[in-house]
Amino acid sequence: MTFASSVEQDAQRATKVKLQLDSFVPGTVIKVKLKDHRKIEGELVARSEESFQLNAPEFTEVSYTEVKSIAEPDGQVGTGGTSNHPARHHGHFVRNAVIAFAVVFGLTVLLVATNKS
């Protein structure tokens, strides 16, 4: 019965690790603590059903069941989409700048047209 609960715990841990990794986009640098007390820091390259790959500094494949914890180098644990990864935020800046420019341009055209009348 102990073996069955150990297998069940490993499956639950693997599911938790997969969910944590979902909050990181490929290219994010993450810290991984393994059950055997090794630590790996590297860039997330890809994920599969059974493992994920890091570039740390050489290509390393890590099974979800080997993982004790995952975090970003600044200590934040990946828990669902609140990562401060710059790749996620630059697109919003550009979009907002374009919207602001369009609004200012539209108001300028409207004011010029109103003053000519």
PDB file of N, CA and C in Angstrom:
ATOM      1  N   MET A   1       0.819  -1.186   0.000  1.00  0.00           N
ATOM      2  CA  MET A   1       0.000   0.000   0.000  1.00  0.00           C
ATOM      3  C   MET A   1       0.867   1.255   0.000  1.00  0.00           C
ATOM      4  N   THR A   2       2.031   1.210   0.595  1.00  0.00           N
ATOM      5  CA  THR A   2       2.937   2.350   0.610  1.00  0.00           C
ATOM      6  C   THR A   2       3.390   2.676  -0.806  1.00  0.00           C
ATOM      7  N   PHE A   3       3.660   1.636  -1.599  1.00  0.00           N
ATOM      8  CA  PHE A   3       4.093   1.850  -2.975  1.00  0.00           C
ATOM      9  C   PHE A   3       3.023   2.579  -3.778  1.00  0.00           C
ATOM     10  N   ALA A   4       1.777   2.179  -3.619  1.00  0.00           N
ATOM     11  CA  ALA A   4       0.681   2.813  -4.357  1.00  0.00           C
ATOM     12  C   ALA A   4       0.552   4.285  -3.991  1.00  0.00           C
ATOM     13  N   SER A   5       0.666   4.610  -2.719  1.00  0.00           N
ATOM     14  CA  SER A   5       0.546   6.012  -2.325  1.00  0.00           C
ATOM     15  C   SER A   5       1.746   6.818  -2.818  1.00  0.00           C
ATOM     16  N   SER A   6       2.915   6.202  -2.882  1.00  0.00           N
ATOM     17  CA  SER A   6       4.101   6.885  -3.402  1.00  0.00           C
ATOM     18  C   SER A   6       3.929   7.195  -4.887  1.00  0.00           C
ATOM     19  N   VAL A   7       3.407   6.245  -5.636  1.00  0.00           N
ATOM     20  CA  VAL A   7       3.158   6.448  -7.063  1.00  0.00           C
ATOM     21  C   VAL A   7       2.106   7.546  -7.249  1.00  0.00           C
ATOM     22  N   GLU A   8       1.084   7.525  -6.418  1.00  0.00           N
ATOM     23  CA  GLU A   8       0.036   8.542  -6.479  1.00  0.00           C
ATOM     24  C   GLU A   8       0.601   9.928  -6.160  1.00  0.00           C
ATOM     25  N   GLN A   9       1.464  10.003  -5.155  1.00  0.00           N
ATOM     26  CA  GLN A   9       2.088  11.280  -4.797  1.00  0.00           C
ATOM     27  C   GLN A   9       2.967  11.799  -5.930  1.00  0.00           C
ATOM     28  N   ASP A  10       3.706  10.900  -6.575  1.00  0.00           N
ATOM     29  CA  ASP A  10       4.532  11.306  -7.713  1.00  0.00           C
ATOM     30  C   ASP A  10       3.671  11.849  -8.850  1.00  0.00           C
ATOM     31  N   ALA A  11       2.539  11.219  -9.100  1.00  0.00           N
ATOM     32  CA  ALA A  11       1.634  11.679 -10.161  1.00  0.00           C
ATOM     33  C   ALA A  11       1.058  13.054  -9.815  1.00  0.00           C
ATOM     34  N   GLN A  12       0.700  13.257  -8.546  1.00  0.00           N
ATOM     35  CA  GLN A  12       0.189  14.559  -8.124  1.00  0.00           C
ATOM     36  C   GLN A  12       1.262  15.633  -8.238  1.00  0.00           C
ATOM     37  N   ARG A  13       2.488  15.312  -7.841  1.00  0.00           N
ATOM     38  CA  ARG A  13       3.605  16.249  -7.947  1.00  0.00           C
ATOM     39  C   ARG A  13       3.845  16.616  -9.407  1.00  0.00           C
ATOM     40  N   ALA A  14       3.836  15.612 -10.290  1.00  0.00           N
ATOM     41  CA  ALA A  14       4.064  15.866 -11.716  1.00  0.00           C
ATOM     42  C   ALA A  14       2.985  16.796 -12.269  1.00  0.00           C
ATOM     43  N   THR A  15       1.732  16.593 -11.866  1.00  0.00           N
ATOM     44  CA  THR A  15       0.641  17.458 -12.317  1.00  0.00           C
ATOM     45  C   THR A  15       0.843  18.881 -11.819  1.00  0.00           C
ATOM     46  N   LYS A  16       1.256  19.026 -10.571  1.00  0.00           N
ATOM     47  CA  LYS A  16       1.505  20.354  -9.997  1.00  0.00           C
ATOM     48  C   LYS A  16       2.635  21.064 -10.745  1.00  0.00           C
ATOM     49  N   VAL A  17       3.705  20.339 -11.049  1.00  0.00           N
ATOM     50  CA  VAL A  17       4.847  20.915 -11.769  1.00  0.00           C
ATOM     51  C   VAL A  17       4.415  21.364 -13.160  1.00  0.00           C
ATOM     52  N   LYS A  18       3.610  20.542 -13.849  1.00  0.00           N
ATOM     53  CA  LYS A  18       3.126  20.922 -15.182  1.00  0.00           C
ATOM     54  C   LYS A  18       2.326  22.219 -15.109  1.00  0.00           C
ATOM     55  N   LEU A  19       1.469  22.339 -14.109  1.00  0.00           N
ATOM     56  CA  LEU A  19       0.673  23.561 -13.949  1.00  0.00           C
ATOM     57  C   LEU A  19       1.559  24.770 -13.666  1.00  0.00           C
ATOM     58  N   GLN A  20       2.597  24.587 -12.846  1.00  0.00           N
ATOM     59  CA  GLN A  20       3.522  25.692 -12.575  1.00  0.00           C
ATOM     60  C   GLN A  20       4.231  26.117 -13.854  1.00  0.00           C
ATOM     61  N   LEU A  21       4.661  25.157 -14.649  1.00  0.00           N
ATOM     62  CA  LEU A  21       5.372  25.482 -15.885  1.00  0.00           C
ATOM     63  C   LEU A  21       4.477  26.200 -16.891  1.00  0.00           C
ATOM     64  N   ASP A  22       3.165  25.999 -16.801  1.00  0.00           N
ATOM     65  CA  ASP A  22       2.249  26.692 -17.706  1.00  0.00           C
ATOM     66  C   ASP A  22       2.309  28.206 -17.525  1.00  0.00           C
ATOM     67  N   SER A  23       2.765  28.673 -16.359  1.00  0.00           N
ATOM     68  CA  SER A  23       2.838  30.120 -16.131  1.00  0.00           C
ATOM     69  C   SER A  23       4.113  30.738 -16.713  1.00  0.00           C
ATOM     70  N   PHE A  24       4.989  29.922 -17.281  1.00  0.00           N
ATOM     71  CA  PHE A  24       6.234  30.414 -17.869  1.00  0.00           C
ATOM     72  C   PHE A  24       6.222  30.218 -19.377  1.00  0.00           C
ATOM     73  N   VAL A  25       6.579  31.257 -20.101  1.00  0.00           N
ATOM     74  CA  VAL A  25       6.697  31.142 -21.552  1.00  0.00           C
ATOM     75  C   VAL A  25       8.079  30.588 -21.879  1.00  0.00           C
ATOM     76  N   PRO A  26       8.211  29.882 -23.015  1.00  0.00           N
ATOM     77  CA  PRO A  26       9.542  29.435 -23.424  1.00  0.00           C
ATOM     78  C   PRO A  26      10.481  30.640 -23.506  1.00  0.00           C
ATOM     79  N   GLY A  27      11.686  30.460 -23.021  1.00  0.00           N
ATOM     80  CA  GLY A  27      12.659  31.544 -22.979  1.00  0.00           C
ATOM     81  C   GLY A  27      12.815  32.122 -21.584  1.00  0.00           C
ATOM     82  N   THR A  28      11.876  31.810 -20.690  1.00  0.00           N
ATOM     83  CA  THR A  28      11.963  32.280 -19.312  1.00  0.00           C
ATOM     84  C   THR A  28      13.071  31.516 -18.588  1.00  0.00           C
ATOM     85  N   VAL A  29      13.878  32.225 -17.838  1.00  0.00           N
ATOM     86  CA  VAL A  29      14.910  31.569 -17.022  1.00  0.00           C
ATOM     87  C   VAL A  29      14.249  31.149 -15.715  1.00  0.00           C
ATOM     88  N   ILE A  30      14.408  29.873 -15.360  1.00  0.00           N
ATOM     89  CA  ILE A  30      13.809  29.346 -14.141  1.00  0.00           C
ATOM     90  C   ILE A  30      14.835  28.579 -13.323  1.00  0.00           C
ATOM     91  N   LYS A  31      14.561  28.475 -12.015  1.00  0.00           N
ATOM     92  CA  LYS A  31      15.362  27.661 -11.107  1.00  0.00           C
ATOM     93  C   LYS A  31      14.568  26.411 -10.783  1.00  0.00           C
ATOM     94  N   VAL A  32      15.214  25.273 -10.870  1.00  0.00           N
ATOM     95  CA  VAL A  32      14.561  24.007 -10.572  1.00  0.00           C
ATOM     96  C   VAL A  32      15.337  23.313  -9.458  1.00  0.00           C
ATOM     97  N   LYS A  33      14.632  22.950  -8.386  1.00  0.00           N
ATOM     98  CA  LYS A  33      15.218  22.136  -7.326  1.00  0.00           C
ATOM     99  C   LYS A  33      14.712  20.720  -7.527  1.00  0.00           C
ATOM    100  N   LEU A  34      15.648  19.777  -7.561  1.00  0.00           N
ATOM    101  CA  LEU A  34      15.276  18.387  -7.772  1.00  0.00           C
ATOM    102  C   LEU A  34      15.193  17.647  -6.439  1.00  0.00           C
ATOM    103  N   LYS A  35      14.511  16.522  -6.455  1.00  0.00           N
ATOM    104  CA  LYS A  35      14.353  15.717  -5.241  1.00  0.00           C
ATOM    105  C   LYS A  35      15.691  15.238  -4.690  1.00  0.00           C
ATOM    106  N   ASP A  36      16.689  15.067  -5.557  1.00  0.00           N
ATOM    107  CA  ASP A  36      18.015  14.620  -5.107  1.00  0.00           C
ATOM    108  C   ASP A  36      18.899  15.787  -4.656  1.00  0.00           C
ATOM    109  N   HIS A  37      18.287  16.955  -4.420  1.00  0.00           N
ATOM    110  CA  HIS A  37      18.917  18.165  -3.892  1.00  0.00           C
ATOM    111  C   HIS A  37      19.793  18.917  -4.882  1.00  0.00           C
ATOM    112  N   ARG A  38      19.816  18.488  -6.142  1.00  0.00           N
ATOM    113  CA  ARG A  38      20.522  19.271  -7.160  1.00  0.00           C
ATOM    114  C   ARG A  38      19.676  20.475  -7.530  1.00  0.00           C
ATOM    115  N   LYS A  39      20.344  21.537  -7.984  1.00  0.00           N
ATOM    116  CA  LYS A  39      19.657  22.743  -8.440  1.00  0.00           C
ATOM    117  C   LYS A  39      20.113  23.034  -9.863  1.00  0.00           C
ATOM    118  N   ILE A  40      19.148  23.350 -10.703  1.00  0.00           N
ATOM    119  CA  ILE A  40      19.436  23.679 -12.098  1.00  0.00           C
ATOM    120  C   ILE A  40      18.793  25.022 -12.397  1.00  0.00           C
ATOM    121  N   GLU A  41      19.546  25.932 -12.990  1.00  0.00           N
ATOM    122  CA  GLU A  41      18.989  27.199 -13.443  1.00  0.00           C
ATOM    123  C   GLU A  41      19.237  27.293 -14.932  1.00  0.00           C
ATOM    124  N   GLY A  42      18.176  27.550 -15.694  1.00  0.00           N
ATOM    125  CA  GLY A  42      18.339  27.640 -17.129  1.00  0.00           C
ATOM    126  C   GLY A  42      17.093  28.158 -17.803  1.00  0.00           C
ATOM    127  N   GLU A  43      17.195  28.313 -19.099  1.00  0.00           N
ATOM    128  CA  GLU A  43      16.118  28.841 -19.925  1.00  0.00           C
ATOM    129  C   GLU A  43      15.180  27.705 -20.327  1.00  0.00           C
ATOM    130  N   LEU A  44      13.882  27.898 -20.087  1.00  0.00           N
ATOM    131  CA  LEU A  44      12.889  26.904 -20.484  1.00  0.00           C
ATOM    132  C   LEU A  44      12.827  26.852 -22.000  1.00  0.00           C
ATOM    133  N   VAL A  45      13.057  25.661 -22.542  1.00  0.00           N
ATOM    134  CA  VAL A  45      13.080  25.504 -23.992  1.00  0.00           C
ATOM    135  C   VAL A  45      11.764  24.920 -24.499  1.00  0.00           C
ATOM    136  N   ALA A  46      11.334  23.817 -23.892  1.00  0.00           N
ATOM    137  CA  ALA A  46      10.125  23.135 -24.371  1.00  0.00           C
ATOM    138  C   ALA A  46       9.560  22.252 -23.263  1.00  0.00           C
ATOM    139  N   ARG A  47       8.304  21.852 -23.471  1.00  0.00           N
ATOM    140  CA  ARG A  47       7.632  20.939 -22.542  1.00  0.00           C
ATOM    141  C   ARG A  47       7.043  19.790 -23.334  1.00  0.00           C
ATOM    142  N   SER A  48       7.008  18.618 -22.707  1.00  0.00           N
ATOM    143  CA  SER A  48       6.326  17.477 -23.302  1.00  0.00           C
ATOM    144  C   SER A  48       5.416  16.883 -22.237  1.00  0.00           C
ATOM    145  N   GLU A  49       4.806  15.771 -22.522  1.00  0.00           N
ATOM    146  CA  GLU A  49       3.875  15.148 -21.578  1.00  0.00           C
ATOM    147  C   GLU A  49       4.582  14.623 -20.326  1.00  0.00           C
ATOM    148  N   GLU A  50       5.817  14.175 -20.461  1.00  0.00           N
ATOM    149  CA  GLU A  50       6.523  13.546 -19.344  1.00  0.00           C
ATOM    150  C   GLU A  50       7.677  14.372 -18.776  1.00  0.00           C
ATOM    151  N   SER A  51       8.126  15.396 -19.517  1.00  0.00           N
ATOM    152  CA  SER A  51       9.316  16.123 -19.084  1.00  0.00           C
ATOM    153  C   SER A  51       9.339  17.519 -19.702  1.00  0.00           C
ATOM    154  N   PHE A  52      10.355  18.291 -19.316  1.00  0.00           N
ATOM    155  CA  PHE A  52      10.588  19.594 -19.927  1.00  0.00           C
ATOM    156  C   PHE A  52      12.083  19.746 -20.160  1.00  0.00           C
ATOM    157  N   GLN A  53      12.428  20.667 -21.053  1.00  0.00           N
ATOM    158  CA  GLN A  53      13.823  20.847 -21.428  1.00  0.00           C
ATOM    159  C   GLN A  53      14.288  22.246 -21.040  1.00  0.00           C
ATOM    160  N   LEU A  54      15.522  22.281 -20.511  1.00  0.00           N
ATOM    161  CA  LEU A  54      16.162  23.540 -20.143  1.00  0.00           C
ATOM    162  C   LEU A  54      17.473  23.668 -20.902  1.00  0.00           C
ATOM    163  N   ASN A  55      17.850  24.896 -21.187  1.00  0.00           N
ATOM    164  CA  ASN A  55      19.174  25.192 -21.698  1.00  0.00           C
ATOM    165  C   ASN A  55      19.950  25.742 -20.508  1.00  0.00           C
ATOM    166  N   ALA A  56      20.776  24.898 -19.859  1.00  0.00           N
ATOM    167  CA  ALA A  56      21.317  25.235 -18.544  1.00  0.00           C
ATOM    168  C   ALA A  56      22.757  24.794 -18.301  1.00  0.00           C
ATOM    169  N   PRO A  57      23.770  25.286 -18.769  1.00  0.00           N
ATOM    170  CA  PRO A  57      24.016  25.958 -20.037  1.00  0.00           C
ATOM    171  C   PRO A  57      23.963  24.982 -21.204  1.00  0.00           C
ATOM    172  N   GLU A  58      24.026  23.682 -20.950  1.00  0.00           N
ATOM    173  CA  GLU A  58      23.784  22.749 -22.049  1.00  0.00           C
ATOM    174  C   GLU A  58      22.348  22.230 -21.936  1.00  0.00           C
ATOM    175  N   PHE A  59      21.865  21.627 -22.999  1.00  0.00           N
ATOM    176  CA  PHE A  59      20.509  21.103 -23.049  1.00  0.00           C
ATOM    177  C   PHE A  59      20.327  20.034 -21.971  1.00  0.00           C
ATOM    178  N   THR A  60      19.294  20.190 -21.131  1.00  0.00           N
ATOM    179  CA  THR A  60      19.006  19.243 -20.056  1.00  0.00           C
ATOM    180  C   THR A  60      17.532  18.899 -20.087  1.00  0.00           C
ATOM    181  N   GLU A  61      17.222  17.609 -20.026  1.00  0.00           N
ATOM    182  CA  GLU A  61      15.831  17.167 -19.962  1.00  0.00           C
ATOM    183  C   GLU A  61      15.527  16.735 -18.536  1.00  0.00           C
ATOM    184  N   VAL A  62      14.412  17.237 -17.990  1.00  0.00           N
ATOM    185  CA  VAL A  62      14.048  16.966 -16.606  1.00  0.00           C
ATOM    186  C   VAL A  62      12.655  16.346 -16.570  1.00  0.00           C
ATOM    187  N   SER A  63      12.537  15.208 -15.914  1.00  0.00           N
ATOM    188  CA  SER A  63      11.236  14.567 -15.736  1.00  0.00           C
ATOM    189  C   SER A  63      10.450  15.327 -14.675  1.00  0.00           C
ATOM    190  N   TYR A  64       9.148  15.490 -14.883  1.00  0.00           N
ATOM    191  CA  TYR A  64       8.314  16.185 -13.909  1.00  0.00           C
ATOM    192  C   TYR A  64       8.388  15.525 -12.534  1.00  0.00           C
ATOM    193  N   THR A  65       8.543  14.215 -12.502  1.00  0.00           N
ATOM    194  CA  THR A  65       8.563  13.497 -11.226  1.00  0.00           C
ATOM    195  C   THR A  65       9.854  13.720 -10.442  1.00  0.00           C
ATOM    196  N   GLU A  66      10.898  14.243 -11.082  1.00  0.00           N
ATOM    197  CA  GLU A  66      12.166  14.523 -10.400  1.00  0.00           C
ATOM    198  C   GLU A  66      12.153  15.855  -9.649  1.00  0.00           C
ATOM    199  N   VAL A  67      11.174  16.722  -9.939  1.00  0.00           N
ATOM    200  CA  VAL A  67      11.180  18.105  -9.477  1.00  0.00           C
ATOM    201  C   VAL A  67      10.607  18.234  -8.065  1.00  0.00           C
ATOM    202  N   LYS A  68      11.328  18.989  -7.249  1.00  0.00           N
ATOM    203  CA  LYS A  68      10.831  19.345  -5.919  1.00  0.00           C
ATOM    204  C   LYS A  68      10.140  20.707  -5.965  1.00  0.00           C
ATOM    205  N   SER A  69      10.748  21.702  -6.660  1.00  0.00           N
ATOM    206  CA  SER A  69      10.130  23.018  -6.792  1.00  0.00           C
ATOM    207  C   SER A  69      10.683  23.743  -8.011  1.00  0.00           C
ATOM    208  N   ILE A  70       9.903  24.746  -8.455  1.00  0.00           N
ATOM    209  CA  ILE A  70      10.285  25.581  -9.598  1.00  0.00           C
ATOM    210  C   ILE A  70      10.031  27.033  -9.219  1.00  0.00           C
ATOM    211  N   ALA A  71      10.967  27.909  -9.577  1.00  0.00           N
ATOM    212  CA  ALA A  71      10.797  29.339  -9.314  1.00  0.00           C
ATOM    213  C   ALA A  71      11.592  30.131 -10.344  1.00  0.00           C
ATOM    214  N   GLU A  72      11.238  31.416 -10.472  1.00  0.00           N
ATOM    215  CA  GLU A  72      12.048  32.322 -11.273  1.00  0.00           C
ATOM    216  C   GLU A  72      13.262  32.715 -10.438  1.00  0.00           C
ATOM    217  N   PRO A  73      14.354  33.154 -11.074  1.00  0.00           N
ATOM    218  CA  PRO A  73      15.553  33.523 -10.317  1.00  0.00           C
ATOM    219  C   PRO A  73      15.315  34.574  -9.241  1.00  0.00           C
ATOM    220  N   ASP A  74      14.314  35.449  -9.410  1.00  0.00           N
ATOM    221  CA  ASP A  74      14.040  36.447  -8.385  1.00  0.00           C
ATOM    222  C   ASP A  74      13.253  35.871  -7.214  1.00  0.00           C
ATOM    223  N   GLY A  75      12.977  34.563  -7.259  1.00  0.00           N
ATOM    224  CA  GLY A  75      12.327  33.898  -6.140  1.00  0.00           C
ATOM    225  C   GLY A  75      10.840  33.695  -6.294  1.00  0.00           C
ATOM    226  N   GLN A  76      10.210  34.274  -7.322  1.00  0.00           N
ATOM    227  CA  GLN A  76       8.773  34.097  -7.494  1.00  0.00           C
ATOM    228  C   GLN A  76       8.489  32.688  -7.992  1.00  0.00           C
ATOM    229  N   VAL A  77       7.541  32.046  -7.373  1.00  0.00           N
ATOM    230  CA  VAL A  77       7.127  30.720  -7.800  1.00  0.00           C
ATOM    231  C   VAL A  77       6.085  30.879  -8.887  1.00  0.00           C
ATOM    232  N   GLY A  78       6.208  30.083  -9.942  1.00  0.00           N
ATOM    233  CA  GLY A  78       5.240  30.156 -11.033  1.00  0.00           C
ATOM    234  C   GLY A  78       3.908  29.579 -10.599  1.00  0.00           C
ATOM    235  N   THR A  79       2.889  30.422 -10.476  1.00  0.00           N
ATOM    236  CA  THR A  79       1.607  29.940  -9.976  1.00  0.00           C
ATOM    237  C   THR A  79       0.432  30.374 -10.817  1.00  0.00           C
ATOM    238  N   GLY A  80       0.669  30.759 -12.045  1.00  0.00           N
ATOM    239  CA  GLY A  80      -0.498  30.981 -12.866  1.00  0.00           C
ATOM    240  C   GLY A  80      -0.621  32.323 -13.555  1.00  0.00           C
ATOM    241  N   GLY A  81       0.363  32.718 -14.346  1.00  0.00           N
ATOM    242  CA  GLY A  81       0.173  33.845 -15.224  1.00  0.00           C
ATOM    243  C   GLY A  81       0.560  35.203 -14.688  1.00  0.00           C
ATOM    244  N   THR A  82       1.178  35.308 -13.541  1.00  0.00           N
ATOM    245  CA  THR A  82       1.552  36.623 -13.036  1.00  0.00           C
ATOM    246  C   THR A  82       3.058  36.844 -13.144  1.00  0.00           C
ATOM    247  N   SER A  83       3.691  36.176 -14.050  1.00  0.00           N
ATOM    248  CA  SER A  83       5.129  36.312 -14.238  1.00  0.00           C
ATOM    249  C   SER A  83       5.476  37.720 -14.698  1.00  0.00           C
ATOM    250  N   ASN A  84       6.618  38.223 -14.267  1.00  0.00           N
ATOM    251  CA  ASN A  84       7.084  39.536 -14.694  1.00  0.00           C
ATOM    252  C   ASN A  84       8.009  39.421 -15.896  1.00  0.00           C
ATOM    253  N   HIS A  85       7.848  38.387 -16.663  1.00  0.00           N
ATOM    254  CA  HIS A  85       8.695  38.156 -17.820  1.00  0.00           C
ATOM    255  C   HIS A  85       8.490  39.269 -18.838  1.00  0.00           C
ATOM    256  N   PRO A  86       9.558  39.972 -19.247  1.00  0.00           N
ATOM    257  CA  PRO A  86       9.422  41.116 -20.135  1.00  0.00           C
ATOM    258  C   PRO A  86       8.746  40.796 -21.460  1.00  0.00           C
ATOM    259  N   ALA A  87       8.920  39.583 -21.970  1.00  0.00           N
ATOM    260  CA  ALA A  87       8.332  39.245 -23.265  1.00  0.00           C
ATOM    261  C   ALA A  87       6.816  39.350 -23.235  1.00  0.00           C
ATOM    262  N   ARG A  88       6.205  39.202 -22.081  1.00  0.00           N
ATOM    263  CA  ARG A  88       4.754  39.277 -21.971  1.00  0.00           C
ATOM    264  C   ARG A  88       4.258  40.712 -21.915  1.00  0.00           C
ATOM    265  N   HIS A  89       5.107  41.656 -21.577  1.00  0.00           N
ATOM    266  CA  HIS A  89       4.645  43.004 -21.326  1.00  0.00           C
ATOM    267  C   HIS A  89       5.021  44.009 -22.408  1.00  0.00           C
ATOM    268  N   HIS A  90       6.030  43.741 -23.214  1.00  0.00           N
ATOM    269  CA  HIS A  90       6.426  44.688 -24.245  1.00  0.00           C
ATOM    270  C   HIS A  90       5.323  44.889 -25.272  1.00  0.00           C
ATOM    271  N   GLY A  91       4.583  43.855 -25.601  1.00  0.00           N
ATOM    272  CA  GLY A  91       3.500  43.970 -26.560  1.00  0.00           C
ATOM    273  C   GLY A  91       2.431  44.936 -26.089  1.00  0.00           C
ATOM    274  N   HIS A  92       2.142  44.942 -24.806  1.00  0.00           N
ATOM    275  CA  HIS A  92       1.145  45.858 -24.264  1.00  0.00           C
ATOM    276  C   HIS A  92       1.629  47.303 -24.355  1.00  0.00           C
ATOM    277  N   PHE A  93       2.881  47.546 -24.110  1.00  0.00           N
ATOM    278  CA  PHE A  93       3.427  48.900 -24.182  1.00  0.00           C
ATOM    279  C   PHE A  93       3.284  49.461 -25.586  1.00  0.00           C
ATOM    280  N   VAL A  94       3.666  48.680 -26.565  1.00  0.00           N
ATOM    281  CA  VAL A  94       3.591  49.133 -27.953  1.00  0.00           C
ATOM    282  C   VAL A  94       2.135  49.369 -28.344  1.00  0.00           C
ATOM    283  N   ARG A  95       1.266  48.438 -27.984  1.00  0.00           N
ATOM    284  CA  ARG A  95      -0.151  48.596 -28.296  1.00  0.00           C
ATOM    285  C   ARG A  95      -0.711  49.874 -27.678  1.00  0.00           C
ATOM    286  N   ASN A  96      -0.417  50.098 -26.416  1.00  0.00           N
ATOM    287  CA  ASN A  96      -0.926  51.284 -25.724  1.00  0.00           C
ATOM    288  C   ASN A  96      -0.360  52.569 -26.319  1.00  0.00           C
ATOM    289  N   ALA A  97       0.900  52.554 -26.717  1.00  0.00           N
ATOM    290  CA  ALA A  97       1.496  53.741 -27.341  1.00  0.00           C
ATOM    291  C   ALA A  97       0.818  54.045 -28.675  1.00  0.00           C
ATOM    292  N   VAL A  98       0.517  53.030 -29.455  1.00  0.00           N
ATOM    293  CA  VAL A  98      -0.164  53.229 -30.736  1.00  0.00           C
ATOM    294  C   VAL A  98      -1.575  53.776 -30.507  1.00  0.00           C
ATOM    295  N   ILE A  99      -2.277  53.246 -29.520  1.00  0.00           N
ATOM    296  CA  ILE A  99      -3.620  53.741 -29.201  1.00  0.00           C
ATOM    297  C   ILE A  99      -3.564  55.204 -28.767  1.00  0.00           C
ATOM    298  N   ALA A 100      -2.608  55.541 -27.897  1.00  0.00           N
ATOM    299  CA  ALA A 100      -2.474  56.930 -27.435  1.00  0.00           C
ATOM    300  C   ALA A 100      -2.172  57.861 -28.607  1.00  0.00           C
ATOM    301  N   PHE A 101      -1.284  57.457 -29.508  1.00  0.00           N
ATOM    302  CA  PHE A 101      -0.967  58.267 -30.683  1.00  0.00           C
ATOM    303  C   PHE A 101      -2.205  58.461 -31.554  1.00  0.00           C
ATOM    304  N   ALA A 102      -2.970  57.395 -31.755  1.00  0.00           N
ATOM    305  CA  ALA A 102      -4.174  57.490 -32.585  1.00  0.00           C
ATOM    306  C   ALA A 102      -5.201  58.441 -31.965  1.00  0.00           C
ATOM    307  N   VAL A 103      -5.361  58.395 -30.664  1.00  0.00           N
ATOM    308  CA  VAL A 103      -6.308  59.284 -29.983  1.00  0.00           C
ATOM    309  C   VAL A 103      -5.858  60.736 -30.123  1.00  0.00           C
ATOM    310  N   VAL A 104      -4.587  61.003 -29.863  1.00  0.00           N
ATOM    311  CA  VAL A 104      -4.071  62.375 -29.974  1.00  0.00           C
ATOM    312  C   VAL A 104      -4.192  62.865 -31.418  1.00  0.00           C
ATOM    313  N   PHE A 105      -3.846  62.028 -32.379  1.00  0.00           N
ATOM    314  CA  PHE A 105      -3.955  62.403 -33.787  1.00  0.00           C
ATOM    315  C   PHE A 105      -5.411  62.697 -34.154  1.00  0.00           C
ATOM    316  N   GLY A 106      -6.330  61.849 -33.710  1.00  0.00           N
ATOM    317  CA  GLY A 106      -7.752  62.043 -34.001  1.00  0.00           C
ATOM    318  C   GLY A 106      -8.279  63.332 -33.400  1.00  0.00           C
ATOM    319  N   LEU A 107      -7.888  63.624 -32.159  1.00  0.00           N
ATOM    320  CA  LEU A 107      -8.324  64.870 -31.519  1.00  0.00           C
ATOM    321  C   LEU A 107      -7.746  66.091 -32.229  1.00  0.00           C
ATOM    322  N   THR A 108      -6.501  66.000 -32.675  1.00  0.00           N
ATOM    323  CA  THR A 108      -5.875  67.102 -33.404  1.00  0.00           C
ATOM    324  C   THR A 108      -6.613  67.361 -34.704  1.00  0.00           C
ATOM    325  N   VAL A 109      -6.920  66.330 -35.453  1.00  0.00           N
ATOM    326  CA  VAL A 109      -7.662  66.478 -36.708  1.00  0.00           C
ATOM    327  C   VAL A 109      -9.039  67.083 -36.432  1.00  0.00           C
ATOM    328  N   LEU A 110      -9.702  66.627 -35.375  1.00  0.00           N
ATOM    329  CA  LEU A 110     -11.011  67.151 -35.017  1.00  0.00           C
ATOM    330  C   LEU A 110     -10.945  68.629 -34.652  1.00  0.00           C
ATOM    331  N   LEU A 111      -9.937  69.028 -33.878  1.00  0.00           N
ATOM    332  CA  LEU A 111      -9.766  70.447 -33.492  1.00  0.00           C
ATOM    333  C   LEU A 111      -9.455  71.309 -34.699  1.00  0.00           C
ATOM    334  N   VAL A 112      -8.604  70.852 -35.593  1.00  0.00           N
ATOM    335  CA  VAL A 112      -8.270  71.611 -36.808  1.00  0.00           C
ATOM    336  C   VAL A 112      -9.514  71.767 -37.668  1.00  0.00           C
ATOM    337  N   ALA A 113     -10.265  70.721 -37.837  1.00  0.00           N
ATOM    338  CA  ALA A 113     -11.486  70.771 -38.655  1.00  0.00           C
ATOM    339  C   ALA A 113     -12.529  71.725 -38.014  1.00  0.00           C
ATOM    340  N   THR A 114     -12.618  71.715 -36.700  1.00  0.00           N
ATOM    341  CA  THR A 114     -13.583  72.582 -35.992  1.00  0.00           C
ATOM    342  C   THR A 114     -13.158  74.038 -36.105  1.00  0.00           C
ATOM    343  N   ASN A 115     -11.880  74.336 -36.017  1.00  0.00           N
ATOM    344  CA  ASN A 115     -11.384  75.720 -36.104  1.00  0.00           C
ATOM    345  C   ASN A 115     -11.506  76.300 -37.504  1.00  0.00           C
ATOM    346  N   LYS A 116     -11.480  75.492 -38.549  1.00  0.00           N
ATOM    347  CA  LYS A 116     -11.618  75.960 -39.923  1.00  0.00           C
ATOM    348  C   LYS A 116     -13.059  76.358 -40.221  1.00  0.00           C
ATOM    349  N   SER A 117     -14.004  75.849 -39.476  1.00  0.00           N
ATOM    350  CA  SER A 117     -15.414  76.131 -39.753  1.00  0.00           C
ATOM    351  C   SER A 117     -15.848  77.489 -39.294  1.00  0.00           C
TER     352      SER A 117
END
